[in-house]
């Protein structure tokens, strides 16, 4: 099966579903972003994408890991605040 055939099949499926046209690369990027946002470790995502290193994946998807770091910091803050409130 040629890459063009697969692309045409994808476009037909999207059209039937009433979805906009997208490229396979867009699907790949969406997968990586959603996987990282949902706690899949970067090494696993990197391997699934065929990246040569997890560092490359981190550089490419830094916006996702930055959001995760903010969420982790907020969670830690809330846990600490909860402990302090219990003491008072």
PDB file of N, CA and C in Angstrom:
ATOM      1  N   UNK A   1       0.855  -1.172   0.000  1.00  0.00           N
ATOM      2  CA  UNK A   1       0.000   0.000   0.000  1.00  0.00           C
ATOM      3  C   UNK A   1       0.900   1.234   0.000  1.00  0.00           C
ATOM      4  N   UNK A   2       0.617   2.158  -0.866  1.00  0.00           N
ATOM      5  CA  UNK A   2       1.444   3.353  -0.972  1.00  0.00           C
ATOM      6  C   UNK A   2       1.021   4.399   0.060  1.00  0.00           C
ATOM      7  N   UNK A   3       1.951   5.282   0.422  1.00  0.00           N
ATOM      8  CA  UNK A   3       1.604   6.352   1.372  1.00  0.00           C
ATOM      9  C   UNK A   3       0.449   7.219   0.863  1.00  0.00           C
ATOM     10  N   UNK A   4       0.395   7.441  -0.445  1.00  0.00           N
ATOM     11  CA  UNK A   4      -0.708   8.246  -0.987  1.00  0.00           C
ATOM     12  C   UNK A   4      -2.055   7.567  -0.778  1.00  0.00           C
ATOM     13  N   UNK A   5      -2.080   6.232  -0.924  1.00  0.00           N
ATOM     14  CA  UNK A   5      -3.332   5.493  -0.715  1.00  0.00           C
ATOM     15  C   UNK A   5      -3.804   5.634   0.728  1.00  0.00           C
ATOM     16  N   UNK A   6      -2.875   5.530   1.646  1.00  0.00           N
ATOM     17  CA  UNK A   6      -3.221   5.662   3.065  1.00  0.00           C
ATOM     18  C   UNK A   6      -3.730   7.066   3.349  1.00  0.00           C
ATOM     19  N   UNK A   7      -3.066   8.064   2.774  1.00  0.00           N
ATOM     20  CA  UNK A   7      -3.490   9.449   2.977  1.00  0.00           C
ATOM     21  C   UNK A   7      -4.900   9.659   2.428  1.00  0.00           C
ATOM     22  N   UNK A   8      -5.181   9.122   1.254  1.00  0.00           N
ATOM     23  CA  UNK A   8      -6.525   9.265   0.684  1.00  0.00           C
ATOM     24  C   UNK A   8      -7.567   8.563   1.552  1.00  0.00           C
ATOM     25  N   UNK A   9      -7.215   7.412   2.096  1.00  0.00           N
ATOM     26  CA  UNK A   9      -8.137   6.707   2.995  1.00  0.00           C
ATOM     27  C   UNK A   9      -8.418   7.545   4.231  1.00  0.00           C
ATOM     28  N   UNK A  10      -7.373   8.131   4.807  1.00  0.00           N
ATOM     29  CA  UNK A  10      -7.546   8.984   5.981  1.00  0.00           C
ATOM     30  C   UNK A  10      -8.475  10.144   5.655  1.00  0.00           C
ATOM     31  N   UNK A  11      -8.256  10.789   4.523  1.00  0.00           N
ATOM     32  CA  UNK A  11      -9.074  11.944   4.162  1.00  0.00           C
ATOM     33  C   UNK A  11     -10.534  11.540   3.952  1.00  0.00           C
ATOM     34  N   UNK A  12     -10.782  10.363   3.385  1.00  0.00           N
ATOM     35  CA  UNK A  12     -12.159   9.880   3.205  1.00  0.00           C
ATOM     36  C   UNK A  12     -12.833   9.634   4.554  1.00  0.00           C
ATOM     37  N   UNK A  13     -12.100   9.016   5.478  1.00  0.00           N
ATOM     38  CA  UNK A  13     -12.648   8.748   6.810  1.00  0.00           C
ATOM     39  C   UNK A  13     -12.975  10.054   7.524  1.00  0.00           C
ATOM     40  N   UNK A  14     -12.073  11.013   7.447  1.00  0.00           N
ATOM     41  CA  UNK A  14     -12.309  12.307   8.093  1.00  0.00           C
ATOM     42  C   UNK A  14     -13.518  13.016   7.496  1.00  0.00           C
ATOM     43  N   UNK A  15     -13.627  12.962   6.163  1.00  0.00           N
ATOM     44  CA  UNK A  15     -14.754  13.611   5.494  1.00  0.00           C
ATOM     45  C   UNK A  15     -16.073  12.978   5.917  1.00  0.00           C
ATOM     46  N   UNK A  16     -16.126  11.637   5.942  1.00  0.00           N
ATOM     47  CA  UNK A  16     -17.351  10.936   6.354  1.00  0.00           C
ATOM     48  C   UNK A  16     -17.730  11.263   7.790  1.00  0.00           C
ATOM     49  N   UNK A  17     -16.722  11.487   8.622  1.00  0.00           N
ATOM     50  CA  UNK A  17     -16.970  11.802  10.035  1.00  0.00           C
ATOM     51  C   UNK A  17     -17.260  13.286  10.248  1.00  0.00           C
ATOM     52  N   UNK A  18     -17.174  14.069   9.177  1.00  0.00           N
ATOM     53  CA  UNK A  18     -17.431  15.503   9.302  1.00  0.00           C
ATOM     54  C   UNK A  18     -16.304  16.256   9.987  1.00  0.00           C
ATOM     55  N   UNK A  19     -15.102  15.697   9.918  1.00  0.00           N
ATOM     56  CA  UNK A  19     -13.938  16.313  10.559  1.00  0.00           C
ATOM     57  C   UNK A  19     -13.077  17.032   9.525  1.00  0.00           C
ATOM     58  N   UNK A  20     -12.307  18.014   9.960  1.00  0.00           N
ATOM     59  CA  UNK A  20     -11.450  18.740   9.014  1.00  0.00           C
ATOM     60  C   UNK A  20     -10.298  17.866   8.511  1.00  0.00           C
ATOM     61  N   UNK A  21      -9.755  18.258   7.373  1.00  0.00           N
ATOM     62  CA  UNK A  21      -8.592  17.564   6.819  1.00  0.00           C
ATOM     63  C   UNK A  21      -7.381  17.831   7.707  1.00  0.00           C
ATOM     64  N   UNK A  22      -6.631  16.782   8.000  1.00  0.00           N
ATOM     65  CA  UNK A  22      -5.398  16.927   8.769  1.00  0.00           C
ATOM     66  C   UNK A  22      -4.339  16.018   8.166  1.00  0.00           C
ATOM     67  N   UNK A  23      -3.107  16.307   8.488  1.00  0.00           N
ATOM     68  CA  UNK A  23      -1.981  15.500   8.013  1.00  0.00           C
ATOM     69  C   UNK A  23      -1.664  14.422   9.039  1.00  0.00           C
ATOM     70  N   UNK A  24      -0.984  13.361   8.586  1.00  0.00           N
ATOM     71  CA  UNK A  24      -0.558  12.322   9.519  1.00  0.00           C
ATOM     72  C   UNK A  24       0.361  12.907  10.580  1.00  0.00           C
ATOM     73  N   UNK A  25       1.180  13.856  10.198  1.00  0.00           N
ATOM     74  CA  UNK A  25       2.081  14.480  11.169  1.00  0.00           C
ATOM     75  C   UNK A  25       1.288  15.150  12.292  1.00  0.00           C
ATOM     76  N   UNK A  26       0.144  15.725  11.944  1.00  0.00           N
ATOM     77  CA  UNK A  26      -0.710  16.344  12.970  1.00  0.00           C
ATOM     78  C   UNK A  26      -1.224  15.296  13.947  1.00  0.00           C
ATOM     79  N   UNK A  27      -1.582  14.111  13.432  1.00  0.00           N
ATOM     80  CA  UNK A  27      -2.033  13.027  14.308  1.00  0.00           C
ATOM     81  C   UNK A  27      -0.916  12.590  15.238  1.00  0.00           C
ATOM     82  N   UNK A  28       0.292  12.514  14.689  1.00  0.00           N
ATOM     83  CA  UNK A  28       1.466  12.110  15.467  1.00  0.00           C
ATOM     84  C   UNK A  28       1.716  13.101  16.601  1.00  0.00           C
ATOM     85  N   UNK A  29       1.654  14.388  16.276  1.00  0.00           N
ATOM     86  CA  UNK A  29       1.885  15.432  17.273  1.00  0.00           C
ATOM     87  C   UNK A  29       0.791  15.394  18.346  1.00  0.00           C
ATOM     88  N   UNK A  30      -0.452  15.199  17.926  1.00  0.00           N
ATOM     89  CA  UNK A  30      -1.559  15.113  18.876  1.00  0.00           C
ATOM     90  C   UNK A  30      -1.376  13.923  19.808  1.00  0.00           C
ATOM     91  N   UNK A  31      -0.992  12.779  19.230  1.00  0.00           N
ATOM     92  CA  UNK A  31      -0.746  11.595  20.054  1.00  0.00           C
ATOM     93  C   UNK A  31       0.317  11.884  21.111  1.00  0.00           C
ATOM     94  N   UNK A  32       1.458  12.442  20.686  1.00  0.00           N
ATOM     95  CA  UNK A  32       2.561  12.693  21.618  1.00  0.00           C
ATOM     96  C   UNK A  32       2.137  13.664  22.714  1.00  0.00           C
ATOM     97  N   UNK A  33       1.457  14.723  22.334  1.00  0.00           N
ATOM     98  CA  UNK A  33       1.012  15.721  23.303  1.00  0.00           C
ATOM     99  C   UNK A  33       0.058  15.110  24.329  1.00  0.00           C
ATOM    100  N   UNK A  34      -0.930  14.371  23.833  1.00  0.00           N
ATOM    101  CA  UNK A  34      -1.916  13.780  24.738  1.00  0.00           C
ATOM    102  C   UNK A  34      -1.291  12.702  25.620  1.00  0.00           C
ATOM    103  N   UNK A  35      -0.372  11.931  25.075  1.00  0.00           N
ATOM    104  CA  UNK A  35       0.285  10.890  25.877  1.00  0.00           C
ATOM    105  C   UNK A  35       1.054  11.530  27.029  1.00  0.00           C
ATOM    106  N   UNK A  36       1.832  12.563  26.731  1.00  0.00           N
ATOM    107  CA  UNK A  36       2.611  13.233  27.775  1.00  0.00           C
ATOM    108  C   UNK A  36       1.698  13.905  28.804  1.00  0.00           C
ATOM    109  N   UNK A  37       0.632  14.527  28.340  1.00  0.00           N
ATOM    110  CA  UNK A  37      -0.304  15.185  29.254  1.00  0.00           C
ATOM    111  C   UNK A  37      -0.995  14.193  30.176  1.00  0.00           C
ATOM    112  N   UNK A  38      -1.104  12.962  29.746  1.00  0.00           N
ATOM    113  CA  UNK A  38      -1.805  11.952  30.529  1.00  0.00           C
ATOM    114  C   UNK A  38      -0.872  11.014  31.265  1.00  0.00           C
ATOM    115  N   UNK A  39       0.372  11.440  31.443  1.00  0.00           N
ATOM    116  CA  UNK A  39       1.280  10.730  32.327  1.00  0.00           C
ATOM    117  C   UNK A  39       2.127   9.636  31.720  1.00  0.00           C
ATOM    118  N   UNK A  40       2.092   9.465  30.387  1.00  0.00           N
ATOM    119  CA  UNK A  40       2.994   8.487  29.780  1.00  0.00           C
ATOM    120  C   UNK A  40       4.401   9.065  29.859  1.00  0.00           C
ATOM    121  N   UNK A  41       5.350   8.272  30.332  1.00  0.00           N
ATOM    122  CA  UNK A  41       6.694   8.816  30.521  1.00  0.00           C
ATOM    123  C   UNK A  41       7.348   9.142  29.179  1.00  0.00           C
ATOM    124  N   UNK A  42       8.215  10.132  29.215  1.00  0.00           N
ATOM    125  CA  UNK A  42       8.805  10.669  27.994  1.00  0.00           C
ATOM    126  C   UNK A  42       9.640   9.629  27.251  1.00  0.00           C
ATOM    127  N   UNK A  43      10.272   8.723  27.959  1.00  0.00           N
ATOM    128  CA  UNK A  43      11.080   7.682  27.311  1.00  0.00           C
ATOM    129  C   UNK A  43      10.196   6.776  26.457  1.00  0.00           C
ATOM    130  N   UNK A  44       9.031   6.417  26.965  1.00  0.00           N
ATOM    131  CA  UNK A  44       8.099   5.580  26.213  1.00  0.00           C
ATOM    132  C   UNK A  44       7.579   6.315  24.986  1.00  0.00           C
ATOM    133  N   UNK A  45       7.162   7.567  25.163  1.00  0.00           N
ATOM    134  CA  UNK A  45       6.672   8.358  24.032  1.00  0.00           C
ATOM    135  C   UNK A  45       7.771   8.508  22.987  1.00  0.00           C
ATOM    136  N   UNK A  46       8.965   8.809  23.429  1.00  0.00           N
ATOM    137  CA  UNK A  46      10.101   8.967  22.519  1.00  0.00           C
ATOM    138  C   UNK A  46      10.318   7.706  21.690  1.00  0.00           C
ATOM    139  N   UNK A  47      10.278   6.570  22.347  1.00  0.00           N
ATOM    140  CA  UNK A  47      10.459   5.289  21.660  1.00  0.00           C
ATOM    141  C   UNK A  47       9.344   5.033  20.653  1.00  0.00           C
ATOM    142  N   UNK A  48       8.111   5.322  21.039  1.00  0.00           N
ATOM    143  CA  UNK A  48       6.978   5.092  20.141  1.00  0.00           C
ATOM    144  C   UNK A  48       7.035   5.990  18.910  1.00  0.00           C
ATOM    145  N   UNK A  49       7.579   7.190  19.077  1.00  0.00           N
ATOM    146  CA  UNK A  49       7.686   8.120  17.957  1.00  0.00           C
ATOM    147  C   UNK A  49       8.924   7.851  17.098  1.00  0.00           C
ATOM    148  N   UNK A  50       9.822   7.016  17.601  1.00  0.00           N
ATOM    149  CA  UNK A  50      11.039   6.726  16.855  1.00  0.00           C
ATOM    150  C   UNK A  50      12.087   7.821  16.959  1.00  0.00           C
ATOM    151  N   UNK A  51      11.983   8.650  17.993  1.00  0.00           N
ATOM    152  CA  UNK A  51      12.986   9.695  18.194  1.00  0.00           C
ATOM    153  C   UNK A  51      14.300   9.068  18.639  1.00  0.00           C
ATOM    154  N   UNK A  52      15.390   9.713  18.279  1.00  0.00           N
ATOM    155  CA  UNK A  52      16.711   9.171  18.622  1.00  0.00           C
ATOM    156  C   UNK A  52      17.041   9.320  20.093  1.00  0.00           C
ATOM    157  N   UNK A  53      16.337  10.204  20.793  1.00  0.00           N
ATOM    158  CA  UNK A  53      16.585  10.351  22.232  1.00  0.00           C
ATOM    159  C   UNK A  53      15.376  10.974  22.909  1.00  0.00           C
ATOM    160  N   UNK A  54      15.246  10.702  24.195  1.00  0.00           N
ATOM    161  CA  UNK A  54      14.178  11.312  24.975  1.00  0.00           C
ATOM    162  C   UNK A  54      14.393  12.819  25.076  1.00  0.00           C
ATOM    163  N   UNK A  55      15.653  13.241  25.017  1.00  0.00           N
ATOM    164  CA  UNK A  55      15.957  14.668  25.053  1.00  0.00           C
ATOM    165  C   UNK A  55      15.350  15.410  23.866  1.00  0.00           C
ATOM    166  N   UNK A  56      15.397  14.778  22.700  1.00  0.00           N
ATOM    167  CA  UNK A  56      14.785  15.376  21.504  1.00  0.00           C
ATOM    168  C   UNK A  56      13.281  15.524  21.707  1.00  0.00           C
ATOM    169  N   UNK A  57      12.670  14.490  22.270  1.00  0.00           N
ATOM    170  CA  UNK A  57      11.233  14.534  22.531  1.00  0.00           C
ATOM    171  C   UNK A  57      10.914  15.644  23.524  1.00  0.00           C
ATOM    172  N   UNK A  58      11.712  15.752  24.574  1.00  0.00           N
ATOM    173  CA  UNK A  58      11.490  16.820  25.561  1.00  0.00           C
ATOM    174  C   UNK A  58      11.638  18.198  24.932  1.00  0.00           C
ATOM    175  N   UNK A  59      12.628  18.363  24.068  1.00  0.00           N
ATOM    176  CA  UNK A  59      12.811  19.650  23.395  1.00  0.00           C
ATOM    177  C   UNK A  59      11.616  19.977  22.501  1.00  0.00           C
ATOM    178  N   UNK A  60      11.116  18.962  21.803  1.00  0.00           N
ATOM    179  CA  UNK A  60      10.013  19.164  20.869  1.00  0.00           C
ATOM    180  C   UNK A  60       8.706  19.455  21.592  1.00  0.00           C
ATOM    181  N   UNK A  61       8.489  18.795  22.717  1.00  0.00           N
ATOM    182  CA  UNK A  61       7.228  18.921  23.436  1.00  0.00           C
ATOM    183  C   UNK A  61       7.412  19.610  24.783  1.00  0.00           C
ATOM    184  N   UNK A  62       8.315  20.572  24.843  1.00  0.00           N
ATOM    185  CA  UNK A  62       8.606  21.291  26.087  1.00  0.00           C
ATOM    186  C   UNK A  62       7.365  21.974  26.642  1.00  0.00           C
ATOM    187  N   UNK A  63       6.493  22.459  25.778  1.00  0.00           N
ATOM    188  CA  UNK A  63       5.282  23.136  26.249  1.00  0.00           C
ATOM    189  C   UNK A  63       4.410  22.192  27.073  1.00  0.00           C
ATOM    190  N   UNK A  64       4.412  20.921  26.731  1.00  0.00           N
ATOM    191  CA  UNK A  64       3.613  19.940  27.476  1.00  0.00           C
ATOM    192  C   UNK A  64       4.237  19.675  28.830  1.00  0.00           C
ATOM    193  N   UNK A  65       5.558  19.487  28.856  1.00  0.00           N
ATOM    194  CA  UNK A  65       6.216  19.180  30.122  1.00  0.00           C
ATOM    195  C   UNK A  65       6.218  20.391  31.046  1.00  0.00           C
ATOM    196  N   UNK A  66       6.237  21.595  30.497  1.00  0.00           N
ATOM    197  CA  UNK A  66       6.151  22.801  31.323  1.00  0.00           C
ATOM    198  C   UNK A  66       4.799  22.858  32.019  1.00  0.00           C
ATOM    199  N   UNK A  67       3.739  22.542  31.295  1.00  0.00           N
ATOM    200  CA  UNK A  67       2.403  22.510  31.896  1.00  0.00           C
ATOM    201  C   UNK A  67       2.338  21.446  32.993  1.00  0.00           C
ATOM    202  N   UNK A  68       2.959  20.297  32.750  1.00  0.00           N
ATOM    203  CA  UNK A  68       2.965  19.217  33.736  1.00  0.00           C
ATOM    204  C   UNK A  68       3.728  19.646  34.989  1.00  0.00           C
ATOM    205  N   UNK A  69       4.815  20.374  34.811  1.00  0.00           N
ATOM    206  CA  UNK A  69       5.587  20.846  35.958  1.00  0.00           C
ATOM    207  C   UNK A  69       4.768  21.833  36.777  1.00  0.00           C
ATOM    208  N   UNK A  70       4.047  22.706  36.109  1.00  0.00           N
ATOM    209  CA  UNK A  70       3.191  23.664  36.822  1.00  0.00           C
ATOM    210  C   UNK A  70       2.118  22.929  37.611  1.00  0.00           C
ATOM    211  N   UNK A  71       1.492  21.947  36.992  1.00  0.00           N
ATOM    212  CA  UNK A  71       0.452  21.174  37.676  1.00  0.00           C
ATOM    213  C   UNK A  71       1.043  20.436  38.884  1.00  0.00           C
ATOM    214  N   UNK A  72       2.237  19.866  38.727  1.00  0.00           N
ATOM    215  CA  UNK A  72       2.888  19.158  39.834  1.00  0.00           C
ATOM    216  C   UNK A  72       3.189  20.121  40.980  1.00  0.00           C
ATOM    217  N   UNK A  73       3.655  21.315  40.659  1.00  0.00           N
ATOM    218  CA  UNK A  73       3.955  22.305  41.688  1.00  0.00           C
ATOM    219  C   UNK A  73       2.679  22.729  42.414  1.00  0.00           C
ATOM    220  N   UNK A  74       1.592  22.909  41.670  1.00  0.00           N
ATOM    221  CA  UNK A  74       0.320  23.288  42.289  1.00  0.00           C
ATOM    222  C   UNK A  74      -0.201  22.180  43.202  1.00  0.00           C
ATOM    223  N   UNK A  75      -0.036  20.938  42.772  1.00  0.00           N
ATOM    224  CA  UNK A  75      -0.465  19.801  43.590  1.00  0.00           C
ATOM    225  C   UNK A  75       0.343  19.723  44.880  1.00  0.00           C
ATOM    226  N   UNK A  76       1.652  19.907  44.760  1.00  0.00           N
ATOM    227  CA  UNK A  76       2.512  19.875  45.945  1.00  0.00           C
ATOM    228  C   UNK A  76       2.159  21.026  46.893  1.00  0.00           C
ATOM    229  N   UNK A  77       1.917  22.191  46.343  1.00  0.00           N
ATOM    230  CA  UNK A  77       1.545  23.340  47.164  1.00  0.00           C
ATOM    231  C   UNK A  77       0.249  23.059  47.923  1.00  0.00           C
ATOM    232  N   UNK A  78      -0.737  22.508  47.213  1.00  0.00           N
ATOM    233  CA  UNK A  78      -2.022  22.216  47.856  1.00  0.00           C
ATOM    234  C   UNK A  78      -1.850  21.182  48.970  1.00  0.00           C
ATOM    235  N   UNK A  79      -1.013  20.186  48.756  1.00  0.00           N
ATOM    236  CA  UNK A  79      -0.776  19.160  49.777  1.00  0.00           C
ATOM    237  C   UNK A  79      -0.100  19.776  50.998  1.00  0.00           C
ATOM    238  N   UNK A  80       0.882  20.632  50.772  1.00  0.00           N
ATOM    239  CA  UNK A  80       1.565  21.295  51.890  1.00  0.00           C
ATOM    240  C   UNK A  80       0.614  22.223  52.636  1.00  0.00           C
ATOM    241  N   UNK A  81      -0.189  22.948  51.889  1.00  0.00           N
ATOM    242  CA  UNK A  81      -1.151  23.860  52.507  1.00  0.00           C
ATOM    243  C   UNK A  81      -2.146  23.077  53.363  1.00  0.00           C
ATOM    244  N   UNK A  82      -2.559  21.936  52.862  1.00  0.00           N
ATOM    245  CA  UNK A  82      -3.484  21.076  53.604  1.00  0.00           C
ATOM    246  C   UNK A  82      -2.858  20.620  54.922  1.00  0.00           C
ATOM    247  N   UNK A  83      -1.594  20.245  54.889  1.00  0.00           N
ATOM    248  CA  UNK A  83      -0.901  19.817  56.110  1.00  0.00           C
ATOM    249  C   UNK A  83      -0.778  20.971  57.101  1.00  0.00           C
ATOM    250  N   UNK A  84      -0.484  22.162  56.597  1.00  0.00           N
ATOM    251  CA  UNK A  84      -0.359  23.320  57.474  1.00  0.00           C
ATOM    252  C   UNK A  84      -1.716  23.673  58.100  1.00  0.00           C
ATOM    253  N   UNK A  85      -2.786  23.571  57.315  1.00  0.00           N
ATOM    254  CA  UNK A  85      -4.128  23.867  57.822  1.00  0.00           C
ATOM    255  C   UNK A  85      -4.536  22.895  58.925  1.00  0.00           C
ATOM    256  N   UNK A  86      -4.095  21.645  58.804  1.00  0.00           N
ATOM    257  CA  UNK A  86      -4.424  20.634  59.820  1.00  0.00           C
ATOM    258  C   UNK A  86      -3.752  20.947  61.156  1.00  0.00           C
ATOM    259  N   UNK A  87      -2.603  21.580  61.118  1.00  0.00           N
ATOM    260  CA  UNK A  87      -1.866  21.897  62.340  1.00  0.00           C
ATOM    261  C   UNK A  87      -2.493  23.079  63.086  1.00  0.00           C
ATOM    262  N   UNK A  88      -3.200  23.888  62.389  1.00  0.00           N
ATOM    263  CA  UNK A  88      -3.785  25.097  63.006  1.00  0.00           C
ATOM    264  C   UNK A  88      -5.137  24.844  63.565  1.00  0.00           C
TER     265      UNK A  88
END
